[in-house]
Amino acid sequence: MPDRVIVEVDEDLSDLIPGFLTHKRADVVTIFDANARRDYAEIGRIAHRIKGEGTSYGFETMTEMGRSLEQAAAVHDDGAVATLARQLLNYMDRLEIVYQPSQD
């Protein structure tokens, strides 16, 4: 198995993270489909959402990938979109989440 990516997440989000990651995987499938149709507007919308949600859930790398996807969609770069979508899936496959106590 490739190297794990350890991400520390607030334990208050522990109930939300599995569903969040399931939705992000579905988003990547939609990105691949939209890329095949050259629907850059849809790719841009999804990428923008990934960019915003990543950091909210503690996944800064996901935010950066969303930003890159959004930029690739803006310039209609099919190859970059496909590469970035694969990288996002790979990132999620390698995630190891460590829940940290809240800092309240």
PDB file of N, CA and C in Angstrom:
ATOM      1  N   MET A   1       0.844  -1.183   0.000  1.00  0.00           N
ATOM      2  CA  MET A   1       0.000   0.000   0.000  1.00  0.00           C
ATOM      3  C   MET A   1       0.884   1.240   0.000  1.00  0.00           C
ATOM      4  N   PRO A   2       0.496   2.255  -0.754  1.00  0.00           N
ATOM      5  CA  PRO A   2       1.284   3.486  -0.780  1.00  0.00           C
ATOM      6  C   PRO A   2       1.335   4.121   0.602  1.00  0.00           C
ATOM      7  N   ASP A   3       2.247   5.053   0.759  1.00  0.00           N
ATOM      8  CA  ASP A   3       2.380   5.749   2.042  1.00  0.00           C
ATOM      9  C   ASP A   3       1.050   6.341   2.475  1.00  0.00           C
ATOM     10  N   ARG A   4       0.795   6.210   3.755  1.00  0.00           N
ATOM     11  CA  ARG A   4      -0.430   6.776   4.325  1.00  0.00           C
ATOM     12  C   ARG A   4      -0.272   8.284   4.455  1.00  0.00           C
ATOM     13  N   VAL A   5      -1.375   8.975   4.376  1.00  0.00           N
ATOM     14  CA  VAL A   5      -1.421  10.416   4.605  1.00  0.00           C
ATOM     15  C   VAL A   5      -2.186  10.603   5.906  1.00  0.00           C
ATOM     16  N   ILE A   6      -1.472  11.019   6.930  1.00  0.00           N
ATOM     17  CA  ILE A   6      -2.098  11.188   8.239  1.00  0.00           C
ATOM     18  C   ILE A   6      -2.634  12.609   8.357  1.00  0.00           C
ATOM     19  N   VAL A   7      -3.916  12.696   8.683  1.00  0.00           N
ATOM     20  CA  VAL A   7      -4.566  13.992   8.857  1.00  0.00           C
ATOM     21  C   VAL A   7      -5.216  14.012  10.230  1.00  0.00           C
ATOM     22  N   GLU A   8      -4.889  15.037  10.995  1.00  0.00           N
ATOM     23  CA  GLU A   8      -5.499  15.205  12.314  1.00  0.00           C
ATOM     24  C   GLU A   8      -6.761  16.043  12.166  1.00  0.00           C
ATOM     25  N   VAL A   9      -7.855  15.514  12.709  1.00  0.00           N
ATOM     26  CA  VAL A   9      -9.164  16.150  12.578  1.00  0.00           C
ATOM     27  C   VAL A   9      -9.789  16.267  13.963  1.00  0.00           C
ATOM     28  N   ASP A  10     -10.491  17.341  14.176  1.00  0.00           N
ATOM     29  CA  ASP A  10     -11.194  17.560  15.438  1.00  0.00           C
ATOM     30  C   ASP A  10     -12.182  16.420  15.675  1.00  0.00           C
ATOM     31  N   GLU A  11     -12.140  15.841  16.861  1.00  0.00           N
ATOM     32  CA  GLU A  11     -13.018  14.704  17.171  1.00  0.00           C
ATOM     33  C   GLU A  11     -14.498  15.063  17.079  1.00  0.00           C
ATOM     34  N   ASP A  12     -14.834  16.337  17.181  1.00  0.00           N
ATOM     35  CA  ASP A  12     -16.235  16.753  17.041  1.00  0.00           C
ATOM     36  C   ASP A  12     -16.768  16.464  15.641  1.00  0.00           C
ATOM     37  N   LEU A  13     -15.871  16.268  14.687  1.00  0.00           N
ATOM     38  CA  LEU A  13     -16.277  15.994  13.306  1.00  0.00           C
ATOM     39  C   LEU A  13     -16.307  14.496  12.980  1.00  0.00           C
ATOM     40  N   SER A  14     -16.013  13.671  13.965  1.00  0.00           N
ATOM     41  CA  SER A  14     -15.866  12.234  13.703  1.00  0.00           C
ATOM     42  C   SER A  14     -17.111  11.594  13.090  1.00  0.00           C
ATOM     43  N   ASP A  15     -18.278  12.067  13.445  1.00  0.00           N
ATOM     44  CA  ASP A  15     -19.512  11.506  12.869  1.00  0.00           C
ATOM     45  C   ASP A  15     -19.725  11.961  11.430  1.00  0.00           C
ATOM     46  N   LEU A  16     -19.141  13.094  11.072  1.00  0.00           N
ATOM     47  CA  LEU A  16     -19.364  13.674   9.750  1.00  0.00           C
ATOM     48  C   LEU A  16     -18.353  13.234   8.698  1.00  0.00           C
ATOM     49  N   ILE A  17     -17.156  12.877   9.121  1.00  0.00           N
ATOM     50  CA  ILE A  17     -16.069  12.611   8.181  1.00  0.00           C
ATOM     51  C   ILE A  17     -16.363  11.453   7.220  1.00  0.00           C
ATOM     52  N   PRO A  18     -16.853  10.307   7.677  1.00  0.00           N
ATOM     53  CA  PRO A  18     -17.106   9.226   6.714  1.00  0.00           C
ATOM     54  C   PRO A  18     -18.058   9.648   5.592  1.00  0.00           C
ATOM     55  N   GLY A  19     -19.140  10.311   5.934  1.00  0.00           N
ATOM     56  CA  GLY A  19     -20.087  10.773   4.918  1.00  0.00           C
ATOM     57  C   GLY A  19     -19.468  11.820   4.005  1.00  0.00           C
ATOM     58  N   PHE A  20     -18.684  12.712   4.596  1.00  0.00           N
ATOM     59  CA  PHE A  20     -18.001  13.740   3.808  1.00  0.00           C
ATOM     60  C   PHE A  20     -17.110  13.093   2.753  1.00  0.00           C
ATOM     61  N   LEU A  21     -16.306  12.116   3.168  1.00  0.00           N
ATOM     62  CA  LEU A  21     -15.397  11.464   2.219  1.00  0.00           C
ATOM     63  C   LEU A  21     -16.157  10.662   1.165  1.00  0.00           C
ATOM     64  N   THR A  22     -17.254  10.059   1.545  1.00  0.00           N
ATOM     65  CA  THR A  22     -18.095   9.349   0.570  1.00  0.00           C
ATOM     66  C   THR A  22     -18.612  10.328  -0.482  1.00  0.00           C
ATOM     67  N   HIS A  23     -19.047  11.512  -0.035  1.00  0.00           N
ATOM     68  CA  HIS A  23     -19.540  12.523  -0.974  1.00  0.00           C
ATOM     69  C   HIS A  23     -18.416  13.050  -1.869  1.00  0.00           C
ATOM     70  N   LYS A  24     -17.221  13.185  -1.333  1.00  0.00           N
ATOM     71  CA  LYS A  24     -16.098  13.680  -2.148  1.00  0.00           C
ATOM     72  C   LYS A  24     -15.721  12.645  -3.207  1.00  0.00           C
ATOM     73  N   ARG A  25     -15.803  11.374  -2.862  1.00  0.00           N
ATOM     74  CA  ARG A  25     -15.546  10.325  -3.867  1.00  0.00           C
ATOM     75  C   ARG A  25     -16.598  10.395  -4.983  1.00  0.00           C
ATOM     76  N   ALA A  26     -17.840  10.604  -4.608  1.00  0.00           N
ATOM     77  CA  ALA A  26     -18.904  10.747  -5.609  1.00  0.00           C
ATOM     78  C   ALA A  26     -18.651  11.989  -6.463  1.00  0.00           C
ATOM     79  N   ASP A  27     -18.162  13.056  -5.846  1.00  0.00           N
ATOM     80  CA  ASP A  27     -17.826  14.265  -6.607  1.00  0.00           C
ATOM     81  C   ASP A  27     -16.750  13.980  -7.647  1.00  0.00           C
ATOM     82  N   VAL A  28     -15.769  13.168  -7.288  1.00  0.00           N
ATOM     83  CA  VAL A  28     -14.699  12.855  -8.240  1.00  0.00           C
ATOM     84  C   VAL A  28     -15.255  12.061  -9.424  1.00  0.00           C
ATOM     85  N   VAL A  29     -16.156  11.125  -9.158  1.00  0.00           N
ATOM     86  CA  VAL A  29     -16.797  10.378 -10.252  1.00  0.00           C
ATOM     87  C   VAL A  29     -17.532  11.353 -11.172  1.00  0.00           C
ATOM     88  N   THR A  30     -18.243  12.301 -10.585  1.00  0.00           N
ATOM     89  CA  THR A  30     -18.960  13.309 -11.372  1.00  0.00           C
ATOM     90  C   THR A  30     -17.982  14.162 -12.172  1.00  0.00           C
ATOM     91  N   ILE A  31     -16.833  14.478 -11.589  1.00  0.00           N
ATOM     92  CA  ILE A  31     -15.817  15.251 -12.322  1.00  0.00           C
ATOM     93  C   ILE A  31     -15.339  14.470 -13.537  1.00  0.00           C
ATOM     94  N   PHE A  32     -15.073  13.175 -13.376  1.00  0.00           N
ATOM     95  CA  PHE A  32     -14.645  12.368 -14.520  1.00  0.00           C
ATOM     96  C   PHE A  32     -15.717  12.369 -15.616  1.00  0.00           C
ATOM     97  N   ASP A  33     -16.970  12.204 -15.206  1.00  0.00           N
ATOM     98  CA  ASP A  33     -18.073  12.215 -16.176  1.00  0.00           C
ATOM     99  C   ASP A  33     -18.186  13.567 -16.871  1.00  0.00           C
ATOM    100  N   ALA A  34     -18.104  14.631 -16.091  1.00  0.00           N
ATOM    101  CA  ALA A  34     -18.200  15.980 -16.655  1.00  0.00           C
ATOM    102  C   ALA A  34     -17.017  16.270 -17.575  1.00  0.00           C
ATOM    103  N   ASN A  35     -15.856  15.770 -17.225  1.00  0.00           N
ATOM    104  CA  ASN A  35     -14.672  15.976 -18.069  1.00  0.00           C
ATOM    105  C   ASN A  35     -14.854  15.294 -19.425  1.00  0.00           C
ATOM    106  N   ALA A  36     -15.448  14.105 -19.398  1.00  0.00           N
ATOM    107  CA  ALA A  36     -15.713  13.395 -20.653  1.00  0.00           C
ATOM    108  C   ALA A  36     -16.679  14.179 -21.534  1.00  0.00           C
ATOM    109  N   ARG A  37     -17.590  14.922 -20.919  1.00  0.00           N
ATOM    110  CA  ARG A  37     -18.563  15.742 -21.663  1.00  0.00           C
ATOM    111  C   ARG A  37     -18.040  17.155 -21.928  1.00  0.00           C
ATOM    112  N   ARG A  38     -16.862  17.433 -21.370  1.00  0.00           N
ATOM    113  CA  ARG A  38     -16.269  18.780 -21.442  1.00  0.00           C
ATOM    114  C   ARG A  38     -17.199  19.831 -20.811  1.00  0.00           C
ATOM    115  N   ASP A  39     -17.789  19.444 -19.695  1.00  0.00           N
ATOM    116  CA  ASP A  39     -18.672  20.339 -18.948  1.00  0.00           C
ATOM    117  C   ASP A  39     -17.839  21.033 -17.872  1.00  0.00           C
ATOM    118  N   TYR A  40     -17.110  22.039 -18.304  1.00  0.00           N
ATOM    119  CA  TYR A  40     -16.182  22.729 -17.409  1.00  0.00           C
ATOM    120  C   TYR A  40     -16.897  23.529 -16.329  1.00  0.00           C
ATOM    121  N   ALA A  41     -18.107  23.972 -16.607  1.00  0.00           N
ATOM    122  CA  ALA A  41     -18.869  24.698 -15.593  1.00  0.00           C
ATOM    123  C   ALA A  41     -19.172  23.782 -14.410  1.00  0.00           C
ATOM    124  N   GLU A  42     -19.601  22.554 -14.699  1.00  0.00           N
ATOM    125  CA  GLU A  42     -19.885  21.613 -13.611  1.00  0.00           C
ATOM    126  C   GLU A  42     -18.610  21.267 -12.855  1.00  0.00           C
ATOM    127  N   ILE A  43     -17.536  21.026 -13.568  1.00  0.00           N
ATOM    128  CA  ILE A  43     -16.259  20.726 -12.912  1.00  0.00           C
ATOM    129  C   ILE A  43     -15.867  21.889 -12.006  1.00  0.00           C
ATOM    130  N   GLY A  44     -16.008  23.100 -12.512  1.00  0.00           N
ATOM    131  CA  GLY A  44     -15.660  24.279 -11.728  1.00  0.00           C
ATOM    132  C   GLY A  44     -16.497  24.407 -10.470  1.00  0.00           C
ATOM    133  N   ARG A  45     -17.804  24.123 -10.570  1.00  0.00           N
ATOM    134  CA  ARG A  45     -18.689  24.195  -9.397  1.00  0.00           C
ATOM    135  C   ARG A  45     -18.274  23.178  -8.339  1.00  0.00           C
ATOM    136  N   ILE A  46     -18.018  21.957  -8.769  1.00  0.00           N
ATOM    137  CA  ILE A  46     -17.632  20.910  -7.821  1.00  0.00           C
ATOM    138  C   ILE A  46     -16.275  21.227  -7.213  1.00  0.00           C
ATOM    139  N   ALA A  47     -15.339  21.661  -8.045  1.00  0.00           N
ATOM    140  CA  ALA A  47     -13.998  21.993  -7.556  1.00  0.00           C
ATOM    141  C   ALA A  47     -14.056  23.130  -6.546  1.00  0.00           C
ATOM    142  N   HIS A  48     -14.902  24.110  -6.809  1.00  0.00           N
ATOM    143  CA  HIS A  48     -15.054  25.239  -5.887  1.00  0.00           C
ATOM    144  C   HIS A  48     -15.579  24.755  -4.535  1.00  0.00           C
ATOM    145  N   ARG A  49     -16.525  23.834  -4.567  1.00  0.00           N
ATOM    146  CA  ARG A  49     -17.082  23.270  -3.331  1.00  0.00           C
ATOM    147  C   ARG A  49     -16.009  22.476  -2.573  1.00  0.00           C
ATOM    148  N   ILE A  50     -15.229  21.677  -3.298  1.00  0.00           N
ATOM    149  CA  ILE A  50     -14.148  20.908  -2.669  1.00  0.00           C
ATOM    150  C   ILE A  50     -13.141  21.861  -2.023  1.00  0.00           C
ATOM    151  N   LYS A  51     -12.831  22.910  -2.740  1.00  0.00           N
ATOM    152  CA  LYS A  51     -11.883  23.907  -2.235  1.00  0.00           C
ATOM    153  C   LYS A  51     -12.386  24.501  -0.920  1.00  0.00           C
ATOM    154  N   GLY A  52     -13.656  24.808  -0.852  1.00  0.00           N
ATOM    155  CA  GLY A  52     -14.213  25.409   0.353  1.00  0.00           C
ATOM    156  C   GLY A  52     -14.392  24.431   1.494  1.00  0.00           C
ATOM    157  N   GLU A  53     -14.792  23.220   1.183  1.00  0.00           N
ATOM    158  CA  GLU A  53     -15.100  22.246   2.230  1.00  0.00           C
ATOM    159  C   GLU A  53     -13.859  21.587   2.820  1.00  0.00           C
ATOM    160  N   GLY A  54     -12.830  21.435   2.033  1.00  0.00           N
ATOM    161  CA  GLY A  54     -11.636  20.721   2.498  1.00  0.00           C
ATOM    162  C   GLY A  54     -11.114  21.244   3.817  1.00  0.00           C
ATOM    163  N   THR A  55     -10.825  22.526   3.857  1.00  0.00           N
ATOM    164  CA  THR A  55     -10.275  23.117   5.073  1.00  0.00           C
ATOM    165  C   THR A  55     -11.287  23.086   6.215  1.00  0.00           C
ATOM    166  N   SER A  56     -12.559  23.250   5.904  1.00  0.00           N
ATOM    167  CA  SER A  56     -13.595  23.222   6.944  1.00  0.00           C
ATOM    168  C   SER A  56     -13.580  21.905   7.708  1.00  0.00           C
ATOM    169  N   TYR A  57     -13.220  20.827   7.017  1.00  0.00           N
ATOM    170  CA  TYR A  57     -13.190  19.510   7.646  1.00  0.00           C
ATOM    171  C   TYR A  57     -11.790  19.093   8.082  1.00  0.00           C
ATOM    172  N   GLY A  58     -10.797  19.954   7.838  1.00  0.00           N
ATOM    173  CA  GLY A  58      -9.436  19.654   8.262  1.00  0.00           C
ATOM    174  C   GLY A  58      -8.544  19.064   7.186  1.00  0.00           C
ATOM    175  N   PHE A  59      -8.968  19.128   5.932  1.00  0.00           N
ATOM    176  CA  PHE A  59      -8.206  18.549   4.824  1.00  0.00           C
ATOM    177  C   PHE A  59      -7.662  19.657   3.918  1.00  0.00           C
ATOM    178  N   GLU A  60      -6.586  20.310   4.370  1.00  0.00           N
ATOM    179  CA  GLU A  60      -6.020  21.426   3.613  1.00  0.00           C
ATOM    180  C   GLU A  60      -5.532  20.990   2.232  1.00  0.00           C
ATOM    181  N   THR A  61      -4.982  19.777   2.141  1.00  0.00           N
ATOM    182  CA  THR A  61      -4.515  19.274   0.845  1.00  0.00           C
ATOM    183  C   THR A  61      -5.675  19.157  -0.130  1.00  0.00           C
ATOM    184  N   MET A  62      -6.828  18.743   0.361  1.00  0.00           N
ATOM    185  CA  MET A  62      -8.014  18.643  -0.484  1.00  0.00           C
ATOM    186  C   MET A  62      -8.412  20.027  -0.998  1.00  0.00           C
ATOM    187  N   THR A  63      -8.287  21.029  -0.151  1.00  0.00           N
ATOM    188  CA  THR A  63      -8.588  22.400  -0.561  1.00  0.00           C
ATOM    189  C   THR A  63      -7.665  22.823  -1.701  1.00  0.00           C
ATOM    190  N   GLU A  64      -6.380  22.519  -1.572  1.00  0.00           N
ATOM    191  CA  GLU A  64      -5.421  22.871  -2.627  1.00  0.00           C
ATOM    192  C   GLU A  64      -5.742  22.142  -3.934  1.00  0.00           C
ATOM    193  N   MET A  65      -6.131  20.880  -3.825  1.00  0.00           N
ATOM    194  CA  MET A  65      -6.499  20.122  -5.020  1.00  0.00           C
ATOM    195  C   MET A  65      -7.753  20.709  -5.660  1.00  0.00           C
ATOM    196  N   GLY A  66      -8.710  21.108  -4.841  1.00  0.00           N
ATOM    197  CA  GLY A  66      -9.913  21.754  -5.357  1.00  0.00           C
ATOM    198  C   GLY A  66      -9.567  23.037  -6.095  1.00  0.00           C
ATOM    199  N   ARG A  67      -8.654  23.817  -5.532  1.00  0.00           N
ATOM    200  CA  ARG A  67      -8.217  25.064  -6.168  1.00  0.00           C
ATOM    201  C   ARG A  67      -7.583  24.767  -7.538  1.00  0.00           C
ATOM    202  N   SER A  68      -6.725  23.754  -7.583  1.00  0.00           N
ATOM    203  CA  SER A  68      -6.077  23.389  -8.848  1.00  0.00           C
ATOM    204  C   SER A  68      -7.090  22.879  -9.867  1.00  0.00           C
ATOM    205  N   LEU A  69      -8.054  22.085  -9.408  1.00  0.00           N
ATOM    206  CA  LEU A  69      -9.109  21.595 -10.294  1.00  0.00           C
ATOM    207  C   LEU A  69      -9.933  22.752 -10.858  1.00  0.00           C
ATOM    208  N   GLU A  70     -10.230  23.700 -10.008  1.00  0.00           N
ATOM    209  CA  GLU A  70     -11.007  24.861 -10.438  1.00  0.00           C
ATOM    210  C   GLU A  70     -10.248  25.645 -11.515  1.00  0.00           C
ATOM    211  N   GLN A  71      -8.952  25.795 -11.323  1.00  0.00           N
ATOM    212  CA  GLN A  71      -8.133  26.499 -12.312  1.00  0.00           C
ATOM    213  C   GLN A  71      -8.054  25.721 -13.628  1.00  0.00           C
ATOM    214  N   ALA A  72      -7.910  24.412 -13.542  1.00  0.00           N
ATOM    215  CA  ALA A  72      -7.847  23.584 -14.752  1.00  0.00           C
ATOM    216  C   ALA A  72      -9.164  23.656 -15.520  1.00  0.00           C
ATOM    217  N   ALA A  73     -10.280  23.655 -14.797  1.00  0.00           N
ATOM    218  CA  ALA A  73     -11.589  23.766 -15.457  1.00  0.00           C
ATOM    219  C   ALA A  73     -11.733  25.119 -16.128  1.00  0.00           C
ATOM    220  N   ALA A  74     -11.219  26.165 -15.500  1.00  0.00           N
ATOM    221  CA  ALA A  74     -11.349  27.517 -16.042  1.00  0.00           C
ATOM    222  C   ALA A  74     -10.639  27.668 -17.391  1.00  0.00           C
ATOM    223  N   VAL A  75      -9.566  26.898 -17.579  1.00  0.00           N
ATOM    224  CA  VAL A  75      -8.824  26.992 -18.853  1.00  0.00           C
ATOM    225  C   VAL A  75      -9.110  25.793 -19.763  1.00  0.00           C
ATOM    226  N   HIS A  76     -10.115  25.000 -19.387  1.00  0.00           N
ATOM    227  CA  HIS A  76     -10.570  23.846 -20.186  1.00  0.00           C
ATOM    228  C   HIS A  76      -9.435  22.855 -20.464  1.00  0.00           C
ATOM    229  N   ASP A  77      -8.669  22.542 -19.418  1.00  0.00           N
ATOM    230  CA  ASP A  77      -7.539  21.623 -19.543  1.00  0.00           C
ATOM    231  C   ASP A  77      -7.977  20.217 -19.131  1.00  0.00           C
ATOM    232  N   ASP A  78      -8.472  19.457 -20.123  1.00  0.00           N
ATOM    233  CA  ASP A  78      -8.978  18.096 -19.873  1.00  0.00           C
ATOM    234  C   ASP A  78      -7.950  17.216 -19.171  1.00  0.00           C
ATOM    235  N   GLY A  79      -6.717  17.255 -19.650  1.00  0.00           N
ATOM    236  CA  GLY A  79      -5.668  16.402 -19.097  1.00  0.00           C
ATOM    237  C   GLY A  79      -5.393  16.718 -17.641  1.00  0.00           C
ATOM    238  N   ALA A  80      -5.307  18.000 -17.316  1.00  0.00           N
ATOM    239  CA  ALA A  80      -5.054  18.396 -15.930  1.00  0.00           C
ATOM    240  C   ALA A  80      -6.224  18.012 -15.037  1.00  0.00           C
ATOM    241  N   VAL A  81      -7.445  18.187 -15.526  1.00  0.00           N
ATOM    242  CA  VAL A  81      -8.620  17.806 -14.732  1.00  0.00           C
ATOM    243  C   VAL A  81      -8.562  16.316 -14.406  1.00  0.00           C
ATOM    244  N   ALA A  82      -8.295  15.490 -15.407  1.00  0.00           N
ATOM    245  CA  ALA A  82      -8.239  14.039 -15.188  1.00  0.00           C
ATOM    246  C   ALA A  82      -7.121  13.671 -14.220  1.00  0.00           C
ATOM    247  N   THR A  83      -5.966  14.274 -14.398  1.00  0.00           N
ATOM    248  CA  THR A  83      -4.829  13.991 -13.512  1.00  0.00           C
ATOM    249  C   THR A  83      -5.138  14.396 -12.081  1.00  0.00           C
ATOM    250  N   LEU A  84      -5.676  15.583 -11.908  1.00  0.00           N
ATOM    251  CA  LEU A  84      -5.996  16.070 -10.564  1.00  0.00           C
ATOM    252  C   LEU A  84      -7.094  15.240  -9.906  1.00  0.00           C
ATOM    253  N   ALA A  85      -8.072  14.812 -10.670  1.00  0.00           N
ATOM    254  CA  ALA A  85      -9.138  13.968 -10.116  1.00  0.00           C
ATOM    255  C   ALA A  85      -8.558  12.633  -9.645  1.00  0.00           C
ATOM    256  N   ARG A  86      -7.657  12.059 -10.436  1.00  0.00           N
ATOM    257  CA  ARG A  86      -6.990  10.810 -10.014  1.00  0.00           C
ATOM    258  C   ARG A  86      -6.162  11.035  -8.753  1.00  0.00           C
ATOM    259  N   GLN A  87      -5.472  12.174  -8.682  1.00  0.00           N
ATOM    260  CA  GLN A  87      -4.672  12.486  -7.500  1.00  0.00           C
ATOM    261  C   GLN A  87      -5.550  12.648  -6.263  1.00  0.00           C
ATOM    262  N   LEU A  88      -6.714  13.238  -6.446  1.00  0.00           N
ATOM    263  CA  LEU A  88      -7.635  13.405  -5.322  1.00  0.00           C
ATOM    264  C   LEU A  88      -8.122  12.049  -4.814  1.00  0.00           C
ATOM    265  N   LEU A  89      -8.455  11.152  -5.731  1.00  0.00           N
ATOM    266  CA  LEU A  89      -8.851   9.799  -5.318  1.00  0.00           C
ATOM    267  C   LEU A  89      -7.715   9.098  -4.593  1.00  0.00           C
ATOM    268  N   ASN A  90      -6.513   9.217  -5.126  1.00  0.00           N
ATOM    269  CA  ASN A  90      -5.341   8.601  -4.514  1.00  0.00           C
ATOM    270  C   ASN A  90      -5.126   9.151  -3.102  1.00  0.00           C
ATOM    271  N   TYR A  91      -5.269  10.452  -2.957  1.00  0.00           N
ATOM    272  CA  TYR A  91      -5.141  11.094  -1.645  1.00  0.00           C
ATOM    273  C   TYR A  91      -6.153  10.496  -0.668  1.00  0.00           C
ATOM    274  N   MET A  92      -7.405  10.389  -1.084  1.00  0.00           N
ATOM    275  CA  MET A  92      -8.436   9.848  -0.199  1.00  0.00           C
ATOM    276  C   MET A  92      -8.187   8.380   0.122  1.00  0.00           C
ATOM    277  N   ASP A  93      -7.668   7.630  -0.847  1.00  0.00           N
ATOM    278  CA  ASP A  93      -7.357   6.219  -0.604  1.00  0.00           C
ATOM    279  C   ASP A  93      -6.282   6.050   0.463  1.00  0.00           C
ATOM    280  N   ARG A  94      -5.391   7.020   0.565  1.00  0.00           N
ATOM    281  CA  ARG A  94      -4.250   6.918   1.470  1.00  0.00           C
ATOM    282  C   ARG A  94      -4.490   7.564   2.828  1.00  0.00           C
ATOM    283  N   LEU A  95      -5.658   8.189   3.013  1.00  0.00           N
ATOM    284  CA  LEU A  95      -5.927   8.911   4.252  1.00  0.00           C
ATOM    285  C   LEU A  95      -5.965   7.996   5.469  1.00  0.00           C
ATOM    286  N   GLU A  96      -5.328   8.454   6.509  1.00  0.00           N
ATOM    287  CA  GLU A  96      -5.464   7.860   7.834  1.00  0.00           C
ATOM    288  C   GLU A  96      -5.840   9.022   8.747  1.00  0.00           C
ATOM    289  N   ILE A  97      -7.032   8.977   9.266  1.00  0.00           N
ATOM    290  CA  ILE A  97      -7.540  10.093  10.056  1.00  0.00           C
ATOM    291  C   ILE A  97      -7.302   9.814  11.535  1.00  0.00           C
ATOM    292  N   VAL A  98      -6.713  10.803  12.184  1.00  0.00           N
ATOM    293  CA  VAL A  98      -6.464  10.734  13.617  1.00  0.00           C
ATOM    294  C   VAL A  98      -7.309  11.830  14.258  1.00  0.00           C
ATOM    295  N   TYR A  99      -8.242  11.424  15.092  1.00  0.00           N
ATOM    296  CA  TYR A  99      -9.120  12.384  15.737  1.00  0.00           C
ATOM    297  C   TYR A  99      -8.457  12.968  16.969  1.00  0.00           C
ATOM    298  N   GLN A 100      -8.482  14.280  17.050  1.00  0.00           N
ATOM    299  CA  GLN A 100      -7.866  15.007  18.164  1.00  0.00           C
ATOM    300  C   GLN A 100      -8.963  15.613  19.041  1.00  0.00           C
ATOM    301  N   PRO A 101      -8.695  15.685  20.356  1.00  0.00           N
ATOM    302  CA  PRO A 101      -9.684  16.318  21.239  1.00  0.00           C
ATOM    303  C   PRO A 101      -9.931  17.765  20.831  1.00  0.00           C
ATOM    304  N   SER A 102     -11.146  18.207  21.051  1.00  0.00           N
ATOM    305  CA  SER A 102     -11.522  19.586  20.729  1.00  0.00           C
ATOM    306  C   SER A 102     -10.692  20.553  21.556  1.00  0.00           C
ATOM    307  N   GLN A 103     -10.475  21.715  20.964  1.00  0.00           N
ATOM    308  CA  GLN A 103      -9.698  22.764  21.632  1.00  0.00           C
ATOM    309  C   GLN A 103     -10.624  23.834  22.204  1.00  0.00           C
ATOM    310  N   ASP A 104     -11.752  23.436  22.727  1.00  0.00           N
ATOM    311  CA  ASP A 104     -12.736  24.398  23.261  1.00  0.00           C
ATOM    312  C   ASP A 104     -12.229  25.094  24.487  1.00  0.00           C
TER     313      ASP A 104
END
